[in-house]
Amino acid sequence: FKARFNTNETLFTLMMNYVGIQLVSYFVMYWENPKGSGKIGIINQST
């Protein structure tokens, strides 16, 4: 977007942070372990 449309990279990259946080938040809830904890916990702790 900066190269083609000369958008403001400061605001654009800053907003991408919030999108990334919400994306991680979604998958944390999707993979939560145990169910209802709202956390993934240690991944592959035993193996």
All heavy atoms as atom14 arrays in JSON, in Angstrom:
{
  "sequence": "FKARFNTNETLFTLMMNYVGIQLVSYFVMYWENPKGSGKIGIINQST",
  "atom14_mask": [
    [1, 1, 1, 1, 1, 1, 1, 1, 1, 1, 1, 0, 0, 0],
    [1, 1, 1, 1, 1, 1, 1, 1, 1, 0, 0, 0, 0, 0],
    [1, 1, 1, 1, 1, 0, 0, 0, 0, 0, 0, 0, 0, 0],
    [1, 1, 1, 1, 1, 1, 1, 1, 1, 1, 1, 0, 0, 0],
    [1, 1, 1, 1, 1, 1, 1, 1, 1, 1, 1, 0, 0, 0],
    [1, 1, 1, 1, 1, 1, 1, 1, 0, 0, 0, 0, 0, 0],
    [1, 1, 1, 1, 1, 1, 1, 0, 0, 0, 0, 0, 0, 0],
    [1, 1, 1, 1, 1, 1, 1, 1, 0, 0, 0, 0, 0, 0],
    [1, 1, 1, 1, 1, 1, 1, 1, 1, 0, 0, 0, 0, 0],
    [1, 1, 1, 1, 1, 1, 1, 0, 0, 0, 0, 0, 0, 0],
    [1, 1, 1, 1, 1, 1, 1, 1, 0, 0, 0, 0, 0, 0],
    [1, 1, 1, 1, 1, 1, 1, 1, 1, 1, 1, 0, 0, 0],
    [1, 1, 1, 1, 1, 1, 1, 0, 0, 0, 0, 0, 0, 0],
    [1, 1, 1, 1, 1, 1, 1, 1, 0, 0, 0, 0, 0, 0],
    [1, 1, 1, 1, 1, 1, 1, 1, 0, 0, 0, 0, 0, 0],
    [1, 1, 1, 1, 1, 1, 1, 1, 0, 0, 0, 0, 0, 0],
    [1, 1, 1, 1, 1, 1, 1, 1, 0, 0, 0, 0, 0, 0],
    [1, 1, 1, 1, 1, 1, 1, 1, 1, 1, 1, 1, 0, 0],
    [1, 1, 1, 1, 1, 1, 1, 0, 0, 0, 0, 0, 0, 0],
    [1, 1, 1, 1, 0, 0, 0, 0, 0, 0, 0, 0, 0, 0],
    [1, 1, 1, 1, 1, 1, 1, 1, 0, 0, 0, 0, 0, 0],
    [1, 1, 1, 1, 1, 1, 1, 1, 1, 0, 0, 0, 0, 0],
    [1, 1, 1, 1, 1, 1, 1, 1, 0, 0, 0, 0, 0, 0],
    [1, 1, 1, 1, 1, 1, 1, 0, 0, 0, 0, 0, 0, 0],
    [1, 1, 1, 1, 1, 1, 0, 0, 0, 0, 0, 0, 0, 0],
    [1, 1, 1, 1, 1, 1, 1, 1, 1, 1, 1, 1, 0, 0],
    [1, 1, 1, 1, 1, 1, 1, 1, 1, 1, 1, 0, 0, 0],
    [1, 1, 1, 1, 1, 1, 1, 0, 0, 0, 0, 0, 0, 0],
    [1, 1, 1, 1, 1, 1, 1, 1, 0, 0, 0, 0, 0, 0],
    [1, 1, 1, 1, 1, 1, 1, 1, 1, 1, 1, 1, 0, 0],
    [1, 1, 1, 1, 1, 1, 1, 1, 1, 1, 1, 1, 1, 1],
    [1, 1, 1, 1, 1, 1, 1, 1, 1, 0, 0, 0, 0, 0],
    [1, 1, 1, 1, 1, 1, 1, 1, 0, 0, 0, 0, 0, 0],
    [1, 1, 1, 1, 1, 1, 1, 0, 0, 0, 0, 0, 0, 0],
    [1, 1, 1, 1, 1, 1, 1, 1, 1, 0, 0, 0, 0, 0],
    [1, 1, 1, 1, 0, 0, 0, 0, 0, 0, 0, 0, 0, 0],
    [1, 1, 1, 1, 1, 1, 0, 0, 0, 0, 0, 0, 0, 0],
    [1, 1, 1, 1, 0, 0, 0, 0, 0, 0, 0, 0, 0, 0],
    [1, 1, 1, 1, 1, 1, 1, 1, 1, 0, 0, 0, 0, 0],
    [1, 1, 1, 1, 1, 1, 1, 1, 0, 0, 0, 0, 0, 0],
    [1, 1, 1, 1, 0, 0, 0, 0, 0, 0, 0, 0, 0, 0],
    [1, 1, 1, 1, 1, 1, 1, 1, 0, 0, 0, 0, 0, 0],
    [1, 1, 1, 1, 1, 1, 1, 1, 0, 0, 0, 0, 0, 0],
    [1, 1, 1, 1, 1, 1, 1, 1, 0, 0, 0, 0, 0, 0],
    [1, 1, 1, 1, 1, 1, 1, 1, 1, 0, 0, 0, 0, 0],
    [1, 1, 1, 1, 1, 1, 0, 0, 0, 0, 0, 0, 0, 0],
    [1, 1, 1, 1, 1, 1, 1, 0, 0, 0, 0, 0, 0, 0]
  ],
  "atom14_positions": [
    [[0.83, -1.21, 0.0], [0.0, 0.0, 0.0], [0.87, 1.26, 0.0], [0.5, 2.26, -0.62], [-0.94, -0.01, 1.21], [-2.2, -0.79, 0.98], [-2.2, -2.17, 1.13], [-3.36, -0.15, 0.59], [-3.37, -2.9, 0.91], [-4.53, -0.87, 0.37], [-4.54, -2.26, 0.53], [0.0, 0.0, 0.0], [0.0, 0.0, 0.0], [0.0, 0.0, 0.0]],
    [[2.0, 1.21, 0.69], [2.9, 2.36, 0.68], [3.52, 2.55, -0.7], [3.6, 3.68, -1.21], [4.0, 2.15, 1.72], [5.1, 3.22, 1.71], [4.57, 4.57, 2.14], [5.73, 5.58, 2.25], [5.25, 6.91, 2.67], [0.0, 0.0, 0.0], [0.0, 0.0, 0.0], [0.0, 0.0, 0.0], [0.0, 0.0, 0.0], [0.0, 0.0, 0.0]],
    [[3.96, 1.46, -1.31], [4.64, 1.54, -2.59], [3.69, 1.97, -3.71], [4.07, 2.75, -4.59], [5.28, 0.19, -2.93], [0.0, 0.0, 0.0], [0.0, 0.0, 0.0], [0.0, 0.0, 0.0], [0.0, 0.0, 0.0], [0.0, 0.0, 0.0], [0.0, 0.0, 0.0], [0.0, 0.0, 0.0], [0.0, 0.0, 0.0], [0.0, 0.0, 0.0]],
    [[2.45, 1.49, -3.66], [1.52, 1.75, -4.77], [0.65, 2.99, -4.54], [0.34, 3.72, -5.48], [0.62, 0.53, -5.01], [1.38, -0.68, -5.53], [0.41, -1.82, -5.84], [-0.54, -1.46, -6.89], [-0.32, -1.57, -8.19], [0.85, -2.03, -8.61], [-1.23, -1.24, -9.07], [0.0, 0.0, 0.0], [0.0, 0.0, 0.0], [0.0, 0.0, 0.0]],
    [[0.26, 3.22, -3.28], [-0.7, 4.3, -3.02], [-0.17, 5.36, -2.07], [-0.9, 6.28, -1.72], [-2.0, 3.7, -2.45], [-2.58, 2.6, -3.28], [-2.6, 1.29, -2.81], [-3.08, 2.84, -4.55], [-3.12, 0.26, -3.57], [-3.6, 1.82, -5.32], [-3.62, 0.52, -4.83], [0.0, 0.0, 0.0], [0.0, 0.0, 0.0], [0.0, 0.0, 0.0]],
    [[1.09, 5.21, -1.64], [1.73, 6.18, -0.74], [0.91, 6.41, 0.53], [0.75, 7.54, 0.99], [1.96, 7.51, -1.46], [2.98, 8.38, -0.71], [3.89, 7.88, -0.04], [2.82, 9.69, -0.81], [0.0, 0.0, 0.0], [0.0, 0.0, 0.0], [0.0, 0.0, 0.0], [0.0, 0.0, 0.0], [0.0, 0.0, 0.0], [0.0, 0.0, 0.0]],
    [[0.39, 5.33, 1.1], [-0.35, 5.44, 2.36], [0.61, 5.76, 3.51], [1.82, 5.59, 3.39], [-1.09, 4.13, 2.67], [-0.15, 3.05, 2.7], [-2.17, 3.85, 1.63], [0.0, 0.0, 0.0], [0.0, 0.0, 0.0], [0.0, 0.0, 0.0], [0.0, 0.0, 0.0], [0.0, 0.0, 0.0], [0.0, 0.0, 0.0], [0.0, 0.0, 0.0]],
    [[0.06, 6.17, 4.63], [0.86, 6.47, 5.82], [1.25, 5.16, 6.5], [0.42, 4.48, 7.09], [0.05, 7.35, 6.78], [0.88, 7.81, 7.96], [1.5, 7.02, 8.65], [0.88, 9.1, 8.2], [0.0, 0.0, 0.0], [0.0, 0.0, 0.0], [0.0, 0.0, 0.0], [0.0, 0.0, 0.0], [0.0, 0.0, 0.0], [0.0, 0.0, 0.0]],
    [[2.52, 4.8, 6.39], [2.96, 3.5, 6.91], [2.9, 3.41, 8.43], [2.72, 2.34, 9.0], [4.39, 3.18, 6.44], [5.5, 4.0, 7.06], [5.76, 5.32, 6.36], [4.9, 5.71, 5.54], [6.79, 5.93, 6.64], [0.0, 0.0, 0.0], [0.0, 0.0, 0.0], [0.0, 0.0, 0.0], [0.0, 0.0, 0.0], [0.0, 0.0, 0.0]],
    [[3.04, 4.56, 9.11], [3.0, 4.54, 10.58], [1.63, 4.08, 11.08], [1.53, 3.18, 11.9], [3.31, 5.94, 11.14], [4.59, 6.37, 10.65], [3.35, 5.92, 12.66], [0.0, 0.0, 0.0], [0.0, 0.0, 0.0], [0.0, 0.0, 0.0], [0.0, 0.0, 0.0], [0.0, 0.0, 0.0], [0.0, 0.0, 0.0], [0.0, 0.0, 0.0]],
    [[0.57, 4.7, 10.55], [-0.78, 4.32, 10.97], [-1.14, 2.92, 10.49], [-1.77, 2.14, 11.22], [-1.8, 5.33, 10.43], [-1.74, 6.74, 11.03], [-2.74, 7.66, 10.34], [-2.03, 6.69, 12.52], [0.0, 0.0, 0.0], [0.0, 0.0, 0.0], [0.0, 0.0, 0.0], [0.0, 0.0, 0.0], [0.0, 0.0, 0.0], [0.0, 0.0, 0.0]],
    [[-0.73, 2.59, 9.27], [-1.09, 1.29, 8.69], [-0.47, 0.16, 9.51], [-1.16, -0.8, 9.91], [-0.61, 1.22, 7.23], [-1.36, 0.22, 6.39], [-1.94, 0.62, 5.2], [-1.5, -1.1, 6.78], [-2.65, -0.28, 4.41], [-2.2, -2.01, 6.0], [-2.77, -1.6, 4.81], [0.0, 0.0, 0.0], [0.0, 0.0, 0.0], [0.0, 0.0, 0.0]],
    [[0.82, 0.26, 9.77], [1.49, -0.82, 10.52], [0.99, -0.87, 11.97], [0.9, -1.95, 12.56], [3.01, -0.64, 10.51], [3.36, 0.7, 10.94], [3.58, -0.85, 9.11], [0.0, 0.0, 0.0], [0.0, 0.0, 0.0], [0.0, 0.0, 0.0], [0.0, 0.0, 0.0], [0.0, 0.0, 0.0], [0.0, 0.0, 0.0], [0.0, 0.0, 0.0]],
    [[0.66, 0.3, 12.54], [0.13, 0.32, 13.9], [-1.21, -0.41, 13.96], [-1.46, -1.2, 14.87], [-0.04, 1.77, 14.36], [-0.54, 1.97, 15.79], [0.43, 1.39, 16.8], [-0.79, 3.45, 16.07], [0.0, 0.0, 0.0], [0.0, 0.0, 0.0], [0.0, 0.0, 0.0], [0.0, 0.0, 0.0], [0.0, 0.0, 0.0], [0.0, 0.0, 0.0]],
    [[-2.09, -0.16, 12.98], [-3.38, -0.83, 12.96], [-3.23, -2.34, 12.74], [-4.01, -3.13, 13.27], [-4.27, -0.24, 11.84], [-4.71, 1.2, 12.1], [-5.66, 1.4, 13.63], [-4.41, 2.13, 14.7], [0.0, 0.0, 0.0], [0.0, 0.0, 0.0], [0.0, 0.0, 0.0], [0.0, 0.0, 0.0], [0.0, 0.0, 0.0], [0.0, 0.0, 0.0]],
    [[-2.21, -2.74, 12.0], [-1.97, -4.17, 11.78], [-1.64, -4.88, 13.08], [-1.89, -6.08, 13.22], [-0.84, -4.36, 10.77], [-1.16, -3.93, 9.36], [-2.36, -4.99, 8.53], [-1.36, -6.44, 8.2], [0.0, 0.0, 0.0], [0.0, 0.0, 0.0], [0.0, 0.0, 0.0], [0.0, 0.0, 0.0], [0.0, 0.0, 0.0], [0.0, 0.0, 0.0]],
    [[-1.08, -4.16, 14.04], [-0.83, -4.75, 15.36], [-2.13, -5.24, 15.99], [-2.19, -6.35, 16.53], [-0.17, -3.73, 16.29], [1.26, -3.45, 15.95], [1.95, -4.28, 15.36], [1.74, -2.28, 16.31], [0.0, 0.0, 0.0], [0.0, 0.0, 0.0], [0.0, 0.0, 0.0], [0.0, 0.0, 0.0], [0.0, 0.0, 0.0], [0.0, 0.0, 0.0]],
    [[-3.16, -4.39, 15.95], [-4.43, -4.74, 16.59], [-5.12, -5.89, 15.86], [-5.76, -6.73, 16.5], [-5.33, -3.5, 16.65], [-4.74, -2.4, 17.48], [-4.2, -1.26, 16.88], [-4.69, -2.5, 18.86], [-3.63, -0.25, 17.65], [-4.13, -1.5, 19.64], [-3.6, -0.38, 19.02], [-3.04, 0.61, 19.79], [0.0, 0.0, 0.0], [0.0, 0.0, 0.0]],
    [[-4.97, -5.92, 14.56], [-5.52, -7.05, 13.8], [-4.81, -8.34, 14.22], [-5.44, -9.39, 14.43], [-5.39, -6.82, 12.29], [-5.9, -8.03, 11.51], [-6.13, -5.57, 11.86], [0.0, 0.0, 0.0], [0.0, 0.0, 0.0], [0.0, 0.0, 0.0], [0.0, 0.0, 0.0], [0.0, 0.0, 0.0], [0.0, 0.0, 0.0], [0.0, 0.0, 0.0]],
    [[-3.48, -8.27, 14.34], [-2.71, -9.44, 14.76], [-3.11, -9.91, 16.15], [-3.23, -11.13, 16.41], [0.0, 0.0, 0.0], [0.0, 0.0, 0.0], [0.0, 0.0, 0.0], [0.0, 0.0, 0.0], [0.0, 0.0, 0.0], [0.0, 0.0, 0.0], [0.0, 0.0, 0.0], [0.0, 0.0, 0.0], [0.0, 0.0, 0.0], [0.0, 0.0, 0.0]],
    [[-3.31, -8.99, 17.08], [-3.71, -9.34, 18.45], [-5.06, -10.06, 18.44], [-5.25, -11.08, 19.12], [-3.77, -8.08, 19.33], [-2.36, -7.55, 19.59], [-4.47, -8.37, 20.66], [-2.31, -6.2, 20.27], [0.0, 0.0, 0.0], [0.0, 0.0, 0.0], [0.0, 0.0, 0.0], [0.0, 0.0, 0.0], [0.0, 0.0, 0.0], [0.0, 0.0, 0.0]],
    [[-6.01, -9.53, 17.67], [-7.34, -10.17, 17.62], [-7.28, -11.53, 16.94], [-8.02, -12.45, 17.31], [-8.33, -9.24, 16.9], [-8.61, -7.95, 17.62], [-9.08, -8.18, 19.04], [-9.94, -9.02, 19.31], [-8.5, -7.43, 19.98], [0.0, 0.0, 0.0], [0.0, 0.0, 0.0], [0.0, 0.0, 0.0], [0.0, 0.0, 0.0], [0.0, 0.0, 0.0]],
    [[-6.41, -11.67, 15.95], [-6.25, -12.96, 15.28], [-5.72, -14.01, 16.26], [-6.23, -15.14, 16.32], [-5.3, -12.8, 14.09], [-5.23, -13.95, 13.08], [-6.58, -14.16, 12.42], [-4.15, -13.66, 12.03], [0.0, 0.0, 0.0], [0.0, 0.0, 0.0], [0.0, 0.0, 0.0], [0.0, 0.0, 0.0], [0.0, 0.0, 0.0], [0.0, 0.0, 0.0]],
    [[-4.71, -13.62, 17.04], [-4.17, -14.53, 18.05], [-5.23, -14.84, 19.1], [-5.38, -16.0, 19.53], [-2.91, -13.93, 18.71], [-2.48, -14.75, 19.91], [-1.77, -13.86, 17.7], [0.0, 0.0, 0.0], [0.0, 0.0, 0.0], [0.0, 0.0, 0.0], [0.0, 0.0, 0.0], [0.0, 0.0, 0.0], [0.0, 0.0, 0.0], [0.0, 0.0, 0.0]],
    [[-5.99, -13.84, 19.51], [-7.04, -14.04, 20.51], [-8.07, -15.06, 20.03], [-8.53, -15.92, 20.81], [-7.72, -12.7, 20.8], [-8.73, -12.85, 21.77], [0.0, 0.0, 0.0], [0.0, 0.0, 0.0], [0.0, 0.0, 0.0], [0.0, 0.0, 0.0], [0.0, 0.0, 0.0], [0.0, 0.0, 0.0], [0.0, 0.0, 0.0], [0.0, 0.0, 0.0]],
    [[-8.42, -14.99, 18.76], [-9.38, -15.95, 18.2], [-8.86, -17.38, 18.29], [-9.57, -18.29, 18.74], [-9.7, -15.59, 16.74], [-10.49, -16.67, 16.03], [-11.86, -16.8, 16.22], [-9.84, -17.58, 15.19], [-12.58, -17.79, 15.58], [-10.55, -18.58, 14.55], [-11.92, -18.69, 14.75], [-12.62, -19.69, 14.13], [0.0, 0.0, 0.0], [0.0, 0.0, 0.0]],
    [[-7.61, -17.57, 17.87], [-7.07, -18.94, 17.85], [-6.76, -19.45, 19.25], [-6.8, -20.66, 19.49], [-5.83, -19.0, 16.95], [-6.16, -19.1, 15.49], [-6.1, -17.98, 14.67], [-6.55, -20.3, 14.94], [-6.42, -18.07, 13.33], [-6.88, -20.41, 13.59], [-6.81, -19.29, 12.79], [0.0, 0.0, 0.0], [0.0, 0.0, 0.0], [0.0, 0.0, 0.0]],
    [[-6.47, -18.56, 20.17], [-6.3, -18.99, 21.57], [-7.62, -19.58, 22.08], [-7.62, -20.63, 22.75], [-5.84, -17.81, 22.45], [-5.99, -18.16, 23.94], [-4.38, -17.47, 22.16], [0.0, 0.0, 0.0], [0.0, 0.0, 0.0], [0.0, 0.0, 0.0], [0.0, 0.0, 0.0], [0.0, 0.0, 0.0], [0.0, 0.0, 0.0], [0.0, 0.0, 0.0]],
    [[-8.72, -18.93, 21.77], [-10.03, -19.46, 22.18], [-10.36, -20.75, 21.42], [-10.97, -21.67, 21.97], [-11.12, -18.41, 21.94], [-10.95, -17.14, 22.77], [-11.0, -17.44, 24.55], [-12.68, -18.0, 24.74], [0.0, 0.0, 0.0], [0.0, 0.0, 0.0], [0.0, 0.0, 0.0], [0.0, 0.0, 0.0], [0.0, 0.0, 0.0], [0.0, 0.0, 0.0]],
    [[-9.94, -20.82, 20.17], [-10.24, -22.0, 19.34], [-9.45, -23.22, 19.82], [-9.97, -24.34, 19.83], [-9.89, -21.68, 17.88], [-10.2, -22.79, 16.91], [-11.52, -23.04, 16.51], [-9.18, -23.59, 16.4], [-11.81, -24.06, 15.61], [-9.47, -24.61, 15.5], [-10.78, -24.85, 15.11], [-11.07, -25.86, 14.23], [0.0, 0.0, 0.0], [0.0, 0.0, 0.0]],
    [[-8.19, -22.99, 20.24], [-7.33, -24.1, 20.67], [-7.28, -24.26, 22.19], [-6.45, -25.01, 22.7], [-5.89, -23.88, 20.16], [-5.73, -24.02, 18.68], [-6.37, -24.9, 17.85], [-4.84, -23.27, 17.84], [-5.94, -24.75, 16.55], [-5.0, -23.75, 16.51], [-3.92, -22.25, 18.07], [-4.28, -23.24, 15.44], [-3.21, -21.74, 17.0], [-3.38, -22.22, 15.71]],
    [[-8.09, -23.53, 22.92], [-7.95, -23.5, 24.37], [-7.9, -24.9, 24.97], [-8.6, -25.82, 24.53], [-9.1, -22.69, 25.0], [-10.48, -23.26, 24.76], [-11.57, -22.41, 25.37], [-11.24, -21.42, 26.05], [-12.76, -22.74, 25.17], [0.0, 0.0, 0.0], [0.0, 0.0, 0.0], [0.0, 0.0, 0.0], [0.0, 0.0, 0.0], [0.0, 0.0, 0.0]],
    [[-7.04, -25.04, 25.97], [-6.83, -26.34, 26.6], [-6.47, -26.12, 28.08], [-5.44, -25.49, 28.37], [-5.71, -27.1, 25.9], [-5.51, -28.49, 26.46], [-6.44, -29.1, 26.98], [-4.29, -28.98, 26.36], [0.0, 0.0, 0.0], [0.0, 0.0, 0.0], [0.0, 0.0, 0.0], [0.0, 0.0, 0.0], [0.0, 0.0, 0.0], [0.0, 0.0, 0.0]],
    [[-7.32, -26.59, 29.0], [-8.6, -27.3, 28.8], [-9.7, -26.35, 28.34], [-9.55, -25.14, 28.45], [-8.89, -27.87, 30.19], [-8.23, -26.92, 31.12], [-6.97, -26.47, 30.43], [0.0, 0.0, 0.0], [0.0, 0.0, 0.0], [0.0, 0.0, 0.0], [0.0, 0.0, 0.0], [0.0, 0.0, 0.0], [0.0, 0.0, 0.0], [0.0, 0.0, 0.0]],
    [[-10.78, -26.91, 27.83], [-11.88, -26.11, 27.33], [-12.46, -25.22, 28.43], [-12.63, -25.64, 29.56], [-12.99, -27.02, 26.78], [-12.61, -27.74, 25.49], [-12.37, -26.76, 24.36], [-12.02, -27.48, 23.05], [-11.73, -26.52, 21.96], [0.0, 0.0, 0.0], [0.0, 0.0, 0.0], [0.0, 0.0, 0.0], [0.0, 0.0, 0.0], [0.0, 0.0, 0.0]],
    [[-12.7, -23.97, 28.05], [-13.25, -23.02, 29.0], [-12.2, -22.24, 29.76], [-12.53, -21.3, 30.49], [0.0, 0.0, 0.0], [0.0, 0.0, 0.0], [0.0, 0.0, 0.0], [0.0, 0.0, 0.0], [0.0, 0.0, 0.0], [0.0, 0.0, 0.0], [0.0, 0.0, 0.0], [0.0, 0.0, 0.0], [0.0, 0.0, 0.0], [0.0, 0.0, 0.0]],
    [[-10.91, -22.59, 29.58], [-9.85, -21.9, 30.32], [-9.45, -20.57, 29.68], [-8.91, -19.69, 30.34], [-8.61, -22.79, 30.42], [-8.06, -23.03, 29.13], [0.0, 0.0, 0.0], [0.0, 0.0, 0.0], [0.0, 0.0, 0.0], [0.0, 0.0, 0.0], [0.0, 0.0, 0.0], [0.0, 0.0, 0.0], [0.0, 0.0, 0.0], [0.0, 0.0, 0.0]],
    [[-9.71, -20.45, 28.37], [-9.3, -19.24, 27.65], [-7.82, -19.18, 27.4], [-7.28, -18.14, 27.02], [0.0, 0.0, 0.0], [0.0, 0.0, 0.0], [0.0, 0.0, 0.0], [0.0, 0.0, 0.0], [0.0, 0.0, 0.0], [0.0, 0.0, 0.0], [0.0, 0.0, 0.0], [0.0, 0.0, 0.0], [0.0, 0.0, 0.0], [0.0, 0.0, 0.0]],
    [[-7.12, -20.31, 27.59], [-5.67, -20.38, 27.36], [-5.34, -21.65, 26.61], [-6.04, -22.65, 26.7], [-4.92, -20.36, 28.7], [-5.13, -19.11, 29.53], [-4.36, -19.21, 30.84], [-4.59, -17.97, 31.69], [-3.88, -18.07, 33.0], [0.0, 0.0, 0.0], [0.0, 0.0, 0.0], [0.0, 0.0, 0.0], [0.0, 0.0, 0.0], [0.0, 0.0, 0.0]],
    [[-4.24, -21.6, 25.89], [-3.79, -22.79, 25.18], [-3.03, -23.72, 26.13], [-3.09, -24.93, 26.03], [-2.89, -22.41, 23.98], [-3.7, -21.66, 22.93], [-2.25, -23.64, 23.36], [-2.91, -21.21, 21.73], [0.0, 0.0, 0.0], [0.0, 0.0, 0.0], [0.0, 0.0, 0.0], [0.0, 0.0, 0.0], [0.0, 0.0, 0.0], [0.0, 0.0, 0.0]],
    [[-2.31, -23.13, 27.08], [-1.46, -23.94, 27.95], [-0.18, -24.33, 27.23], [0.08, -23.91, 26.1], [0.0, 0.0, 0.0], [0.0, 0.0, 0.0], [0.0, 0.0, 0.0], [0.0, 0.0, 0.0], [0.0, 0.0, 0.0], [0.0, 0.0, 0.0], [0.0, 0.0, 0.0], [0.0, 0.0, 0.0], [0.0, 0.0, 0.0], [0.0, 0.0, 0.0]],
    [[0.65, -25.12, 27.86], [1.9, -25.56, 27.25], [1.59, -26.52, 26.11], [0.94, -27.56, 26.31], [2.82, -26.24, 28.29], [3.1, -25.28, 29.46], [4.13, -26.68, 27.63], [3.78, -24.0, 29.06], [0.0, 0.0, 0.0], [0.0, 0.0, 0.0], [0.0, 0.0, 0.0], [0.0, 0.0, 0.0], [0.0, 0.0, 0.0], [0.0, 0.0, 0.0]],
    [[2.07, -26.2, 24.93], [1.79, -27.01, 23.74], [2.69, -28.24, 23.73], [3.9, -28.15, 23.91], [2.01, -26.19, 22.45], [1.13, -24.93, 22.46], [1.72, -27.03, 21.21], [1.41, -23.97, 21.32], [0.0, 0.0, 0.0], [0.0, 0.0, 0.0], [0.0, 0.0, 0.0], [0.0, 0.0, 0.0], [0.0, 0.0, 0.0], [0.0, 0.0, 0.0]],
    [[2.07, -29.42, 23.52], [2.81, -30.69, 23.44], [3.73, -30.88, 24.64], [4.9, -31.26, 24.5], [3.61, -30.77, 22.14], [2.73, -30.65, 20.91], [1.53, -30.97, 20.95], [3.3, -30.18, 19.8], [0.0, 0.0, 0.0], [0.0, 0.0, 0.0], [0.0, 0.0, 0.0], [0.0, 0.0, 0.0], [0.0, 0.0, 0.0], [0.0, 0.0, 0.0]],
    [[3.19, -30.64, 25.83], [4.02, -30.68, 27.04], [4.6, -32.06, 27.3], [5.74, -32.19, 27.75], [3.19, -30.24, 28.25], [4.0, -30.09, 29.53], [3.2, -29.45, 30.64], [2.0, -29.24, 30.52], [3.86, -29.13, 31.73], [0.0, 0.0, 0.0], [0.0, 0.0, 0.0], [0.0, 0.0, 0.0], [0.0, 0.0, 0.0], [0.0, 0.0, 0.0]],
    [[3.85, -33.1, 27.0], [4.33, -34.45, 27.29], [5.22, -35.01, 26.19], [6.16, -35.77, 26.46], [3.13, -35.38, 27.5], [2.3, -35.39, 26.35], [0.0, 0.0, 0.0], [0.0, 0.0, 0.0], [0.0, 0.0, 0.0], [0.0, 0.0, 0.0], [0.0, 0.0, 0.0], [0.0, 0.0, 0.0], [0.0, 0.0, 0.0], [0.0, 0.0, 0.0]],
    [[4.97, -34.63, 24.96], [5.72, -35.19, 23.82], [6.86, -34.3, 23.35], [7.8, -34.77, 22.72], [4.78, -35.44, 22.64], [4.2, -34.19, 22.23], [3.66, -36.4, 23.04], [0.0, 0.0, 0.0], [0.0, 0.0, 0.0], [0.0, 0.0, 0.0], [0.0, 0.0, 0.0], [0.0, 0.0, 0.0], [0.0, 0.0, 0.0], [0.0, 0.0, 0.0]]
  ]
}
